[in-house]
Each structure stands twice: as structure tokens, then as C-alpha cells.
Amino acid sequence: MPTYDDALEVYLRDNFAIEDDVLRTIRENIAARGLPQITLKPEEGRFLEFIVAASAARLALEIGTLGGYSGTWIARALPDNGRLITIEVNPEHASVADNNFRLAGLAERVDIRVGDAHQMLLELSAEGPFDFIFIDAEKEGYPAYLDWALENLQPGGIVAGHNAFGHGDVVDTADASERTEALRAFNRRLAEDPRMVSLIFPAGDGTAFALRRK
């Protein structure tokens, strides 16, 4: 039986997740501005776009903007009257993302909020419920972000969390770090919560997805 490996990753990317010039430029801008090189792989971004489009989401939230690469995939899948709110703690990263969203022609569809997500989410509850929530911030905060998401997600809505594999650390029994334990708790809760239908998309570092039952 074939196993998903580097060759199949390239095959997937070359056939289903080809970066256009805009996405390629956004990735290059992120590197040129010295932001952390932790951007999604194209196939991960394409799957986000697929899920957002398939769910007919209109109001999306992203926790952790970085340079706007993942947000571009998400926002492209929204309808013309859709809206993405994205939270970034670092003002310099938010500035890079703002330029990239403008480059992508998405400035009118994306609302960047700058500040600590844990504090900002308290106010964002009044703007929900949300159809799609993507979590890609500090991993230690994932359980708290999930708590909020489950209270502010539309029935039939989807919550997703990037780096669900923790670069393989979630299956390393010797790793009891706060970061890894938080990811394990996040994944376990999605898997066990009877309100959710969930799985991990295994490309890249894994993205956990959970659909809230209606």
C-alpha cells in the first residue's frame, strides 16, 4: 500500500494546490520581511480553501495572521459579501499581512485586528457566531482558543487548528512540554467531543478539523 511521502506531497501540490503568482509573491514577501518561516504549505492552504467553500462559510475568523498567506486562501473561498476577521499580536506582521491582502485584492473582505487574541476574543463574541474558525497561534493557547470557538461557532460551522502533529511531538511519549501537552489536549477534545465530527488532515504538520453538529 502506498504511503503518503515527499513524492506524493509534490504530486498533490503540483496537481491540486498550484500557487498562482499572487500567492507565490505573498510567500516571498513574508520571507523577505524576515517573518518566521512557518507559513502553511500550498496543499494545506488549498484544503482550507476547499473546506471554507464547501461549508458555504460567510463569516470566518483566523487566530494568528502572520503574513496573510493562510488568510488569503481562506478569504478567497468566501462569497463576495463574506468577511474574514484575522487577529495578529505583532504589529509588524500585521502590516506585512495588510500589504499582502491588498496585493491579493482582498482588502475589502479582510479585517485585521492587532492585539492579544485572548483579550480580543472577549469582545469578538458580540460579532459572531462564526461559520469557520482557524487557529494558528501559540500552541499553548490552543485549549483556551477551542473553548471560545465552541461557544462562538455556528451549528454546522467548522473549527480548525494548524500544527496538530506538533512536528511529530504529539506521538513522542518522552515529550511532556506545555506546548505538546496543549496540542494533545486540543486533538483529544476534538476527537472525543460528541458535538463534533472531526479528523486530522495529514498533509504538512497536520491540520485538525471539526464540524459542529447541527
N, C-alpha and C. Protein backbone atom coordinates (compact mmCIF):
# COMPACT_ATOMS: atom_id res chain seq x y z
N MET A 1 0.85 -1.19 0.00
CA MET A 1 0.00 0.00 0.00
C MET A 1 0.89 1.24 0.00
N PRO A 2 0.63 2.23 -0.90
CA PRO A 2 1.46 3.44 -0.92
C PRO A 2 1.28 4.26 0.36
N THR A 3 2.36 4.88 0.79
CA THR A 3 2.35 5.72 1.98
C THR A 3 2.58 7.16 1.57
N TYR A 4 1.83 8.06 2.18
CA TYR A 4 1.99 9.49 1.88
C TYR A 4 3.42 9.91 2.22
N ASP A 5 4.16 10.37 1.23
CA ASP A 5 5.55 10.72 1.43
C ASP A 5 5.88 11.97 0.63
N ASP A 6 7.16 12.30 0.53
CA ASP A 6 7.56 13.53 -0.16
C ASP A 6 7.13 13.53 -1.62
N ALA A 7 7.25 12.39 -2.28
CA ALA A 7 6.89 12.31 -3.69
C ALA A 7 5.40 12.55 -3.90
N LEU A 8 4.58 11.95 -3.04
CA LEU A 8 3.14 12.15 -3.15
C LEU A 8 2.74 13.57 -2.73
N GLU A 9 3.50 14.15 -1.82
CA GLU A 9 3.26 15.54 -1.45
C GLU A 9 3.46 16.45 -2.65
N VAL A 10 4.53 16.22 -3.40
CA VAL A 10 4.79 17.02 -4.61
C VAL A 10 3.70 16.77 -5.64
N TYR A 11 3.28 15.53 -5.79
CA TYR A 11 2.20 15.20 -6.73
C TYR A 11 0.92 15.94 -6.36
N LEU A 12 0.58 15.92 -5.09
CA LEU A 12 -0.62 16.61 -4.61
C LEU A 12 -0.52 18.10 -4.88
N ARG A 13 0.63 18.67 -4.58
CA ARG A 13 0.82 20.11 -4.76
C ARG A 13 0.79 20.50 -6.24
N ASP A 14 1.43 19.69 -7.07
CA ASP A 14 1.53 20.02 -8.49
C ASP A 14 0.20 19.88 -9.22
N ASN A 15 -0.70 19.07 -8.68
CA ASN A 15 -1.97 18.83 -9.37
C ASN A 15 -3.16 19.55 -8.75
N PHE A 16 -3.12 19.77 -7.45
CA PHE A 16 -4.30 20.32 -6.79
C PHE A 16 -4.05 21.62 -6.03
N ALA A 17 -2.80 21.99 -5.83
CA ALA A 17 -2.51 23.16 -4.98
C ALA A 17 -1.42 24.01 -5.59
N ILE A 18 -1.59 24.35 -6.86
CA ILE A 18 -0.59 25.17 -7.54
C ILE A 18 -0.72 26.62 -7.09
N GLU A 19 0.37 27.18 -6.62
CA GLU A 19 0.37 28.59 -6.23
C GLU A 19 0.31 29.47 -7.47
N ASP A 20 -0.59 30.44 -7.48
CA ASP A 20 -0.57 31.43 -8.56
C ASP A 20 0.47 32.49 -8.23
N ASP A 21 0.60 33.47 -9.10
CA ASP A 21 1.63 34.49 -8.91
C ASP A 21 1.42 35.28 -7.63
N VAL A 22 0.16 35.54 -7.27
CA VAL A 22 -0.12 36.31 -6.06
C VAL A 22 0.32 35.55 -4.82
N LEU A 23 -0.06 34.30 -4.71
CA LEU A 23 0.31 33.51 -3.54
C LEU A 23 1.82 33.33 -3.45
N ARG A 24 2.45 33.14 -4.60
CA ARG A 24 3.90 32.99 -4.61
C ARG A 24 4.58 34.27 -4.14
N THR A 25 4.06 35.41 -4.58
CA THR A 25 4.62 36.69 -4.17
C THR A 25 4.41 36.93 -2.68
N ILE A 26 3.24 36.55 -2.18
CA ILE A 26 2.96 36.70 -0.75
C ILE A 26 3.96 35.88 0.07
N ARG A 27 4.20 34.65 -0.35
CA ARG A 27 5.17 33.81 0.36
C ARG A 27 6.56 34.46 0.32
N GLU A 28 6.93 34.99 -0.82
CA GLU A 28 8.23 35.65 -0.96
C GLU A 28 8.31 36.91 -0.11
N ASN A 29 7.22 37.66 -0.04
CA ASN A 29 7.18 38.87 0.80
C ASN A 29 7.39 38.53 2.27
N ILE A 30 6.77 37.45 2.70
CA ILE A 30 6.88 37.02 4.10
C ILE A 30 8.33 36.71 4.44
N ALA A 31 9.01 35.99 3.54
CA ALA A 31 10.42 35.66 3.76
C ALA A 31 11.29 36.91 3.71
N ALA A 32 11.03 37.78 2.73
CA ALA A 32 11.85 38.98 2.56
C ALA A 32 11.75 39.92 3.74
N ARG A 33 10.60 39.96 4.40
CA ARG A 33 10.42 40.84 5.55
C ARG A 33 10.90 40.21 6.85
N GLY A 34 11.45 39.01 6.78
CA GLY A 34 12.05 38.38 7.95
C GLY A 34 11.06 37.77 8.93
N LEU A 35 9.84 37.50 8.50
CA LEU A 35 8.87 36.86 9.37
C LEU A 35 9.25 35.39 9.56
N PRO A 36 8.81 34.76 10.65
CA PRO A 36 9.11 33.34 10.86
C PRO A 36 8.66 32.50 9.67
N GLN A 37 9.49 31.54 9.30
CA GLN A 37 9.18 30.69 8.15
C GLN A 37 8.30 29.51 8.57
N ILE A 38 7.08 29.85 8.96
CA ILE A 38 6.14 28.84 9.45
C ILE A 38 4.83 28.90 8.67
N THR A 39 4.90 29.46 7.46
CA THR A 39 3.71 29.57 6.62
C THR A 39 3.22 28.18 6.21
N LEU A 40 1.91 28.07 6.03
CA LEU A 40 1.33 26.84 5.53
C LEU A 40 1.97 26.40 4.21
N LYS A 41 1.95 25.11 3.97
CA LYS A 41 2.30 24.61 2.65
C LYS A 41 1.10 24.84 1.72
N PRO A 42 1.35 24.94 0.40
CA PRO A 42 0.25 25.21 -0.52
C PRO A 42 -0.90 24.21 -0.41
N GLU A 43 -0.60 22.92 -0.24
CA GLU A 43 -1.68 21.94 -0.15
C GLU A 43 -2.50 22.11 1.12
N GLU A 44 -1.88 22.62 2.19
CA GLU A 44 -2.64 22.91 3.39
C GLU A 44 -3.57 24.10 3.16
N GLY A 45 -3.03 25.13 2.49
CA GLY A 45 -3.86 26.28 2.17
C GLY A 45 -5.01 25.93 1.26
N ARG A 46 -4.73 25.09 0.26
CA ARG A 46 -5.78 24.69 -0.67
C ARG A 46 -6.89 23.93 0.04
N PHE A 47 -6.52 23.10 1.03
CA PHE A 47 -7.54 22.36 1.76
C PHE A 47 -8.38 23.30 2.61
N LEU A 48 -7.75 24.33 3.19
CA LEU A 48 -8.53 25.35 3.90
C LEU A 48 -9.54 25.98 2.96
N GLU A 49 -9.06 26.36 1.77
CA GLU A 49 -9.96 26.99 0.80
C GLU A 49 -11.11 26.05 0.44
N PHE A 50 -10.79 24.78 0.25
CA PHE A 50 -11.81 23.79 -0.09
C PHE A 50 -12.86 23.67 1.01
N ILE A 51 -12.41 23.56 2.25
CA ILE A 51 -13.34 23.39 3.37
C ILE A 51 -14.23 24.63 3.54
N VAL A 52 -13.64 25.81 3.44
CA VAL A 52 -14.42 27.04 3.59
C VAL A 52 -15.46 27.14 2.48
N ALA A 53 -15.06 26.83 1.26
CA ALA A 53 -16.00 26.89 0.14
C ALA A 53 -17.09 25.83 0.27
N ALA A 54 -16.70 24.61 0.64
CA ALA A 54 -17.67 23.52 0.74
C ALA A 54 -18.70 23.76 1.85
N SER A 55 -18.29 24.44 2.89
CA SER A 55 -19.19 24.72 4.01
C SER A 55 -20.04 25.96 3.78
N ALA A 56 -19.79 26.67 2.67
CA ALA A 56 -20.52 27.91 2.36
C ALA A 56 -20.40 28.94 3.49
N ALA A 57 -19.22 28.99 4.09
CA ALA A 57 -18.99 29.95 5.18
C ALA A 57 -19.08 31.38 4.66
N ARG A 58 -19.62 32.25 5.50
CA ARG A 58 -19.71 33.67 5.16
C ARG A 58 -18.89 34.53 6.13
N LEU A 59 -18.82 34.10 7.39
CA LEU A 59 -18.07 34.85 8.40
C LEU A 59 -17.00 33.93 8.98
N ALA A 60 -15.74 34.28 8.75
CA ALA A 60 -14.63 33.46 9.19
C ALA A 60 -13.74 34.24 10.15
N LEU A 61 -13.07 33.50 11.02
CA LEU A 61 -12.14 34.08 11.99
C LEU A 61 -10.84 33.30 11.93
N GLU A 62 -9.73 34.04 11.91
CA GLU A 62 -8.40 33.43 11.95
C GLU A 62 -7.67 33.96 13.17
N ILE A 63 -7.14 33.07 13.98
CA ILE A 63 -6.36 33.46 15.16
C ILE A 63 -4.89 33.19 14.83
N GLY A 64 -4.16 34.25 14.50
CA GLY A 64 -2.77 34.12 14.08
C GLY A 64 -2.63 34.42 12.60
N THR A 65 -2.41 35.68 12.25
CA THR A 65 -2.38 36.11 10.85
C THR A 65 -1.05 35.83 10.18
N LEU A 66 0.05 36.08 10.91
CA LEU A 66 1.41 36.10 10.38
C LEU A 66 1.44 37.04 9.17
N GLY A 67 1.79 36.55 7.97
CA GLY A 67 1.91 37.44 6.81
C GLY A 67 0.73 37.42 5.87
N GLY A 68 -0.34 36.72 6.24
CA GLY A 68 -1.54 36.75 5.43
C GLY A 68 -1.66 35.64 4.40
N TYR A 69 -0.74 34.68 4.41
CA TYR A 69 -0.79 33.61 3.40
C TYR A 69 -2.01 32.71 3.61
N SER A 70 -2.17 32.18 4.81
CA SER A 70 -3.33 31.33 5.07
C SER A 70 -4.63 32.12 4.96
N GLY A 71 -4.59 33.36 5.40
CA GLY A 71 -5.78 34.20 5.30
C GLY A 71 -6.21 34.44 3.87
N THR A 72 -5.26 34.49 2.95
CA THR A 72 -5.59 34.67 1.54
C THR A 72 -6.34 33.45 1.01
N TRP A 73 -5.89 32.26 1.34
CA TRP A 73 -6.62 31.05 0.93
C TRP A 73 -8.03 31.06 1.49
N ILE A 74 -8.17 31.43 2.76
CA ILE A 74 -9.49 31.43 3.39
C ILE A 74 -10.40 32.48 2.76
N ALA A 75 -9.90 33.70 2.64
CA ALA A 75 -10.72 34.81 2.14
C ALA A 75 -11.14 34.58 0.69
N ARG A 76 -10.30 33.95 -0.10
CA ARG A 76 -10.66 33.66 -1.49
C ARG A 76 -11.87 32.75 -1.60
N ALA A 77 -12.08 31.91 -0.59
CA ALA A 77 -13.19 30.96 -0.62
C ALA A 77 -14.51 31.56 -0.15
N LEU A 78 -14.46 32.75 0.43
CA LEU A 78 -15.67 33.39 0.93
C LEU A 78 -16.44 34.03 -0.22
N PRO A 79 -17.76 34.18 -0.08
CA PRO A 79 -18.53 34.87 -1.11
C PRO A 79 -18.19 36.36 -1.12
N ASP A 80 -18.68 37.06 -2.13
CA ASP A 80 -18.35 38.49 -2.27
C ASP A 80 -18.73 39.30 -1.04
N ASN A 81 -19.80 38.90 -0.37
CA ASN A 81 -20.22 39.61 0.85
C ASN A 81 -19.71 38.94 2.11
N GLY A 82 -18.75 37.99 1.94
CA GLY A 82 -18.19 37.33 3.10
C GLY A 82 -17.14 38.19 3.78
N ARG A 83 -16.73 37.75 4.96
CA ARG A 83 -15.79 38.55 5.75
C ARG A 83 -14.89 37.65 6.57
N LEU A 84 -13.60 37.98 6.56
CA LEU A 84 -12.61 37.31 7.40
C LEU A 84 -12.08 38.30 8.41
N ILE A 85 -12.21 37.98 9.69
CA ILE A 85 -11.55 38.73 10.75
C ILE A 85 -10.32 37.93 11.15
N THR A 86 -9.16 38.57 11.14
CA THR A 86 -7.92 37.86 11.47
C THR A 86 -7.16 38.64 12.54
N ILE A 87 -6.69 37.92 13.55
CA ILE A 87 -6.04 38.54 14.72
C ILE A 87 -4.54 38.26 14.69
N GLU A 88 -3.75 39.32 14.86
CA GLU A 88 -2.29 39.19 14.89
C GLU A 88 -1.73 40.02 16.03
N VAL A 89 -0.91 39.40 16.88
CA VAL A 89 -0.37 40.09 18.05
C VAL A 89 0.77 41.04 17.69
N ASN A 90 1.48 40.76 16.59
CA ASN A 90 2.66 41.53 16.22
C ASN A 90 2.29 42.59 15.19
N PRO A 91 2.42 43.89 15.51
CA PRO A 91 2.03 44.94 14.55
C PRO A 91 2.81 44.89 13.24
N GLU A 92 4.09 44.52 13.30
CA GLU A 92 4.88 44.44 12.07
C GLU A 92 4.38 43.32 11.17
N HIS A 93 4.03 42.19 11.75
CA HIS A 93 3.47 41.10 10.97
C HIS A 93 2.13 41.52 10.35
N ALA A 94 1.33 42.23 11.14
CA ALA A 94 0.03 42.69 10.65
C ALA A 94 0.19 43.64 9.47
N SER A 95 1.23 44.47 9.50
CA SER A 95 1.49 45.40 8.41
C SER A 95 1.84 44.65 7.13
N VAL A 96 2.67 43.61 7.26
CA VAL A 96 3.02 42.78 6.10
C VAL A 96 1.76 42.12 5.55
N ALA A 97 0.94 41.59 6.44
CA ALA A 97 -0.30 40.92 6.01
C ALA A 97 -1.23 41.89 5.31
N ASP A 98 -1.34 43.10 5.83
CA ASP A 98 -2.20 44.10 5.21
C ASP A 98 -1.77 44.36 3.77
N ASN A 99 -0.48 44.52 3.55
CA ASN A 99 0.02 44.73 2.19
C ASN A 99 -0.27 43.52 1.30
N ASN A 100 -0.14 42.33 1.87
CA ASN A 100 -0.38 41.13 1.08
C ASN A 100 -1.86 40.95 0.73
N PHE A 101 -2.73 41.28 1.67
CA PHE A 101 -4.16 41.19 1.36
C PHE A 101 -4.54 42.20 0.27
N ARG A 102 -3.91 43.36 0.30
CA ARG A 102 -4.16 44.35 -0.76
C ARG A 102 -3.66 43.83 -2.10
N LEU A 103 -2.50 43.22 -2.08
CA LEU A 103 -1.94 42.64 -3.30
C LEU A 103 -2.90 41.60 -3.89
N ALA A 104 -3.54 40.85 -3.02
CA ALA A 104 -4.46 39.79 -3.45
C ALA A 104 -5.84 40.32 -3.82
N GLY A 105 -6.06 41.63 -3.65
CA GLY A 105 -7.37 42.21 -3.94
C GLY A 105 -8.42 41.85 -2.92
N LEU A 106 -8.00 41.59 -1.68
CA LEU A 106 -8.91 41.12 -0.64
C LEU A 106 -9.08 42.11 0.51
N ALA A 107 -8.54 43.31 0.37
CA ALA A 107 -8.55 44.26 1.48
C ALA A 107 -9.95 44.55 1.98
N GLU A 108 -10.93 44.58 1.08
CA GLU A 108 -12.30 44.89 1.49
C GLU A 108 -12.98 43.73 2.19
N ARG A 109 -12.41 42.54 2.05
CA ARG A 109 -13.03 41.35 2.62
C ARG A 109 -12.37 40.94 3.94
N VAL A 110 -11.20 41.50 4.23
CA VAL A 110 -10.41 41.07 5.40
C VAL A 110 -10.28 42.21 6.39
N ASP A 111 -10.52 41.90 7.65
CA ASP A 111 -10.43 42.87 8.75
C ASP A 111 -9.34 42.38 9.70
N ILE A 112 -8.19 43.07 9.71
CA ILE A 112 -7.08 42.68 10.58
C ILE A 112 -7.23 43.38 11.92
N ARG A 113 -7.20 42.61 13.00
CA ARG A 113 -7.23 43.15 14.35
C ARG A 113 -5.87 42.88 15.00
N VAL A 114 -5.27 43.90 15.56
CA VAL A 114 -3.93 43.78 16.16
C VAL A 114 -4.04 43.78 17.67
N GLY A 115 -3.50 42.75 18.30
CA GLY A 115 -3.52 42.67 19.75
C GLY A 115 -3.48 41.22 20.22
N ASP A 116 -3.57 41.05 21.52
CA ASP A 116 -3.56 39.72 22.12
C ASP A 116 -4.90 39.04 21.88
N ALA A 117 -4.87 37.87 21.24
CA ALA A 117 -6.11 37.20 20.86
C ALA A 117 -6.97 36.83 22.06
N HIS A 118 -6.35 36.43 23.16
CA HIS A 118 -7.14 36.03 24.33
C HIS A 118 -8.00 37.18 24.83
N GLN A 119 -7.48 38.39 24.75
CA GLN A 119 -8.25 39.56 25.17
C GLN A 119 -9.26 39.98 24.10
N MET A 120 -8.86 39.94 22.85
CA MET A 120 -9.72 40.40 21.77
C MET A 120 -10.91 39.49 21.56
N LEU A 121 -10.74 38.21 21.84
CA LEU A 121 -11.85 37.28 21.66
C LEU A 121 -13.02 37.59 22.58
N LEU A 122 -12.75 38.17 23.72
CA LEU A 122 -13.83 38.51 24.65
C LEU A 122 -14.81 39.47 23.99
N GLU A 123 -14.28 40.39 23.18
CA GLU A 123 -15.15 41.36 22.51
C GLU A 123 -15.73 40.79 21.21
N LEU A 124 -15.00 39.87 20.58
CA LEU A 124 -15.45 39.34 19.30
C LEU A 124 -16.68 38.45 19.42
N SER A 125 -16.98 37.99 20.61
CA SER A 125 -18.18 37.17 20.79
C SER A 125 -19.42 37.90 20.30
N ALA A 126 -19.42 39.22 20.43
CA ALA A 126 -20.58 40.01 20.01
C ALA A 126 -20.72 40.07 18.50
N GLU A 127 -19.67 39.69 17.75
CA GLU A 127 -19.70 39.76 16.30
C GLU A 127 -20.01 38.42 15.65
N GLY A 128 -20.15 37.38 16.46
CA GLY A 128 -20.43 36.05 15.94
C GLY A 128 -21.92 35.76 15.91
N PRO A 129 -22.29 34.49 15.78
CA PRO A 129 -21.39 33.34 15.70
C PRO A 129 -20.69 33.23 14.35
N PHE A 130 -19.60 32.47 14.33
CA PHE A 130 -18.77 32.34 13.15
C PHE A 130 -19.05 31.01 12.45
N ASP A 131 -18.85 31.03 11.13
CA ASP A 131 -19.04 29.82 10.33
C ASP A 131 -17.77 28.98 10.25
N PHE A 132 -16.62 29.65 10.34
CA PHE A 132 -15.34 28.96 10.22
C PHE A 132 -14.33 29.66 11.12
N ILE A 133 -13.61 28.89 11.92
CA ILE A 133 -12.59 29.45 12.81
C ILE A 133 -11.30 28.66 12.61
N PHE A 134 -10.22 29.38 12.27
CA PHE A 134 -8.92 28.75 12.04
C PHE A 134 -7.95 29.23 13.10
N ILE A 135 -7.36 28.29 13.83
CA ILE A 135 -6.44 28.58 14.93
C ILE A 135 -5.02 28.24 14.50
N ASP A 136 -4.15 29.24 14.52
CA ASP A 136 -2.74 29.02 14.16
C ASP A 136 -1.87 30.03 14.89
N ALA A 137 -2.01 30.05 16.20
CA ALA A 137 -1.25 30.97 17.05
C ALA A 137 -0.37 30.14 17.98
N GLU A 138 -0.02 30.69 19.15
CA GLU A 138 0.84 29.95 20.07
C GLU A 138 0.13 28.68 20.53
N LYS A 139 0.84 27.58 20.48
CA LYS A 139 0.21 26.27 20.69
C LYS A 139 -0.27 26.07 22.13
N GLU A 140 0.40 26.71 23.07
CA GLU A 140 -0.02 26.59 24.46
C GLU A 140 -1.44 27.13 24.67
N GLY A 141 -1.87 28.02 23.78
CA GLY A 141 -3.19 28.62 23.91
C GLY A 141 -4.30 27.87 23.22
N TYR A 142 -3.98 26.78 22.52
CA TYR A 142 -5.00 26.08 21.75
C TYR A 142 -6.21 25.62 22.58
N PRO A 143 -6.03 25.03 23.76
CA PRO A 143 -7.22 24.61 24.52
C PRO A 143 -8.14 25.78 24.86
N ALA A 144 -7.57 26.93 25.23
CA ALA A 144 -8.40 28.09 25.54
C ALA A 144 -9.08 28.63 24.29
N TYR A 145 -8.36 28.64 23.17
CA TYR A 145 -8.98 29.08 21.92
C TYR A 145 -10.13 28.15 21.53
N LEU A 146 -9.95 26.86 21.77
CA LEU A 146 -11.01 25.91 21.45
C LEU A 146 -12.23 26.13 22.33
N ASP A 147 -12.01 26.41 23.61
CA ASP A 147 -13.13 26.72 24.50
C ASP A 147 -13.98 27.84 23.91
N TRP A 148 -13.29 28.90 23.48
CA TRP A 148 -14.00 30.06 22.92
C TRP A 148 -14.69 29.67 21.62
N ALA A 149 -13.98 28.95 20.77
CA ALA A 149 -14.52 28.59 19.46
C ALA A 149 -15.81 27.79 19.59
N LEU A 150 -15.84 26.84 20.51
CA LEU A 150 -17.02 26.01 20.64
C LEU A 150 -18.23 26.79 21.15
N GLU A 151 -17.98 27.88 21.82
CA GLU A 151 -19.07 28.74 22.30
C GLU A 151 -19.50 29.75 21.24
N ASN A 152 -18.69 29.94 20.21
CA ASN A 152 -18.95 31.00 19.23
C ASN A 152 -18.98 30.50 17.80
N LEU A 153 -19.19 29.20 17.65
CA LEU A 153 -19.25 28.58 16.34
C LEU A 153 -20.71 28.27 16.00
N GLN A 154 -21.09 28.64 14.80
CA GLN A 154 -22.44 28.36 14.30
C GLN A 154 -22.68 26.85 14.22
N PRO A 155 -23.86 26.35 14.59
CA PRO A 155 -24.15 24.94 14.31
C PRO A 155 -23.93 24.65 12.83
N GLY A 156 -23.18 23.61 12.54
CA GLY A 156 -22.79 23.33 11.17
C GLY A 156 -21.50 24.02 10.78
N GLY A 157 -20.94 24.81 11.70
CA GLY A 157 -19.67 25.50 11.45
C GLY A 157 -18.48 24.61 11.71
N ILE A 158 -17.31 25.08 11.32
CA ILE A 158 -16.08 24.28 11.39
C ILE A 158 -15.00 25.04 12.14
N VAL A 159 -14.29 24.34 13.03
CA VAL A 159 -13.11 24.88 13.68
C VAL A 159 -11.91 24.05 13.22
N ALA A 160 -10.79 24.72 12.97
CA ALA A 160 -9.58 24.03 12.51
C ALA A 160 -8.38 24.53 13.30
N GLY A 161 -7.41 23.67 13.48
CA GLY A 161 -6.19 24.04 14.19
C GLY A 161 -4.96 23.52 13.46
N HIS A 162 -4.05 24.42 13.09
CA HIS A 162 -2.84 24.02 12.37
C HIS A 162 -1.80 23.44 13.34
N ASN A 163 -0.84 22.70 12.78
CA ASN A 163 0.23 22.04 13.55
C ASN A 163 -0.31 21.02 14.53
N ALA A 164 -1.34 20.29 14.12
CA ALA A 164 -1.94 19.30 15.02
C ALA A 164 -0.97 18.17 15.37
N PHE A 165 0.03 17.95 14.52
CA PHE A 165 1.02 16.91 14.81
C PHE A 165 2.17 17.44 15.67
N GLY A 166 2.27 18.76 15.81
CA GLY A 166 3.37 19.32 16.60
C GLY A 166 4.72 18.87 16.11
N HIS A 167 4.89 18.79 14.78
CA HIS A 167 6.14 18.32 14.17
C HIS A 167 6.51 16.92 14.67
N GLY A 168 5.49 16.12 14.94
CA GLY A 168 5.69 14.75 15.38
C GLY A 168 5.75 14.58 16.88
N ASP A 169 5.77 15.68 17.62
CA ASP A 169 5.95 15.58 19.07
C ASP A 169 4.74 14.98 19.79
N VAL A 170 3.54 15.05 19.18
CA VAL A 170 2.35 14.53 19.87
C VAL A 170 2.41 13.02 20.08
N VAL A 171 3.26 12.33 19.30
CA VAL A 171 3.38 10.88 19.49
C VAL A 171 4.70 10.50 20.15
N ASP A 172 5.44 11.50 20.61
CA ASP A 172 6.69 11.25 21.34
C ASP A 172 6.37 11.16 22.82
N THR A 173 6.37 9.95 23.36
CA THR A 173 5.97 9.75 24.75
C THR A 173 6.91 10.41 25.74
N ALA A 174 8.11 10.76 25.29
CA ALA A 174 9.07 11.42 26.18
C ALA A 174 8.85 12.93 26.25
N ASP A 175 8.01 13.46 25.38
CA ASP A 175 7.79 14.91 25.33
C ASP A 175 6.57 15.27 26.17
N ALA A 176 6.82 15.92 27.30
CA ALA A 176 5.75 16.36 28.18
C ALA A 176 5.75 17.88 28.31
N SER A 177 6.26 18.57 27.29
CA SER A 177 6.31 20.04 27.32
C SER A 177 4.90 20.62 27.30
N GLU A 178 4.79 21.84 27.78
CA GLU A 178 3.48 22.51 27.81
C GLU A 178 2.89 22.61 26.41
N ARG A 179 3.75 22.94 25.44
CA ARG A 179 3.29 23.08 24.06
C ARG A 179 2.70 21.78 23.54
N THR A 180 3.42 20.68 23.73
CA THR A 180 2.97 19.40 23.20
C THR A 180 1.73 18.90 23.93
N GLU A 181 1.70 19.08 25.25
CA GLU A 181 0.53 18.65 26.01
C GLU A 181 -0.71 19.44 25.61
N ALA A 182 -0.53 20.72 25.27
CA ALA A 182 -1.66 21.54 24.83
C ALA A 182 -2.20 21.03 23.50
N LEU A 183 -1.30 20.66 22.58
CA LEU A 183 -1.74 20.12 21.29
C LEU A 183 -2.45 18.78 21.48
N ARG A 184 -1.92 17.94 22.35
CA ARG A 184 -2.57 16.66 22.61
C ARG A 184 -3.97 16.86 23.17
N ALA A 185 -4.09 17.81 24.10
CA ALA A 185 -5.39 18.08 24.69
C ALA A 185 -6.36 18.61 23.65
N PHE A 186 -5.88 19.49 22.78
CA PHE A 186 -6.70 20.05 21.71
C PHE A 186 -7.21 18.94 20.80
N ASN A 187 -6.31 18.09 20.33
CA ASN A 187 -6.70 17.00 19.44
C ASN A 187 -7.65 16.02 20.12
N ARG A 188 -7.35 15.68 21.37
CA ARG A 188 -8.17 14.72 22.10
C ARG A 188 -9.59 15.24 22.28
N ARG A 189 -9.71 16.52 22.59
CA ARG A 189 -11.04 17.09 22.80
C ARG A 189 -11.85 17.09 21.51
N LEU A 190 -11.19 17.41 20.40
CA LEU A 190 -11.91 17.38 19.12
C LEU A 190 -12.36 15.96 18.80
N ALA A 191 -11.51 14.99 19.10
CA ALA A 191 -11.82 13.59 18.77
C ALA A 191 -12.94 13.04 19.64
N GLU A 192 -13.01 13.49 20.89
CA GLU A 192 -13.93 12.87 21.85
C GLU A 192 -15.22 13.64 22.06
N ASP A 193 -15.29 14.90 21.66
CA ASP A 193 -16.48 15.71 21.91
C ASP A 193 -17.64 15.22 21.05
N PRO A 194 -18.73 14.75 21.66
CA PRO A 194 -19.85 14.21 20.88
C PRO A 194 -20.56 15.26 20.03
N ARG A 195 -20.28 16.53 20.29
CA ARG A 195 -20.89 17.59 19.49
C ARG A 195 -20.19 17.78 18.15
N MET A 196 -19.02 17.13 17.97
CA MET A 196 -18.18 17.39 16.82
C MET A 196 -17.96 16.13 15.98
N VAL A 197 -17.79 16.31 14.69
CA VAL A 197 -17.28 15.28 13.78
C VAL A 197 -15.91 15.76 13.35
N SER A 198 -14.86 14.99 13.63
CA SER A 198 -13.51 15.54 13.48
C SER A 198 -12.54 14.58 12.83
N LEU A 199 -11.43 15.15 12.36
CA LEU A 199 -10.31 14.39 11.82
C LEU A 199 -9.11 15.31 11.69
N ILE A 200 -7.93 14.71 11.41
CA ILE A 200 -6.73 15.50 11.11
C ILE A 200 -6.37 15.27 9.66
N PHE A 201 -6.28 16.36 8.88
CA PHE A 201 -5.79 16.30 7.50
C PHE A 201 -4.28 16.17 7.60
N PRO A 202 -3.68 15.06 7.10
CA PRO A 202 -2.29 14.75 7.44
C PRO A 202 -1.21 15.42 6.61
N ALA A 203 -1.56 16.29 5.66
CA ALA A 203 -0.52 16.98 4.90
C ALA A 203 0.23 17.95 5.79
N GLY A 204 1.48 18.24 5.42
CA GLY A 204 2.27 19.19 6.21
C GLY A 204 2.42 18.73 7.64
N ASP A 205 2.16 19.63 8.58
CA ASP A 205 2.25 19.30 10.00
C ASP A 205 0.89 18.92 10.57
N GLY A 206 -0.06 18.64 9.70
CA GLY A 206 -1.38 18.21 10.16
C GLY A 206 -2.26 19.38 10.56
N THR A 207 -3.48 19.40 10.05
CA THR A 207 -4.46 20.39 10.46
C THR A 207 -5.70 19.64 10.95
N ALA A 208 -6.07 19.88 12.20
CA ALA A 208 -7.25 19.25 12.78
C ALA A 208 -8.50 20.03 12.36
N PHE A 209 -9.53 19.32 11.96
CA PHE A 209 -10.80 19.92 11.58
C PHE A 209 -11.92 19.28 12.37
N ALA A 210 -12.89 20.09 12.78
CA ALA A 210 -14.05 19.54 13.47
C ALA A 210 -15.29 20.32 13.05
N LEU A 211 -16.31 19.58 12.66
CA LEU A 211 -17.61 20.13 12.30
C LEU A 211 -18.54 20.06 13.49
N ARG A 212 -19.12 21.19 13.83
CA ARG A 212 -20.08 21.19 14.94
C ARG A 212 -21.42 20.69 14.42
N ARG A 213 -21.91 19.61 15.02
CA ARG A 213 -23.17 19.03 14.59
C ARG A 213 -24.31 20.04 14.73
N LYS A 214 -25.27 19.98 13.81
CA LYS A 214 -26.44 20.87 13.89
C LYS A 214 -27.44 20.30 14.90
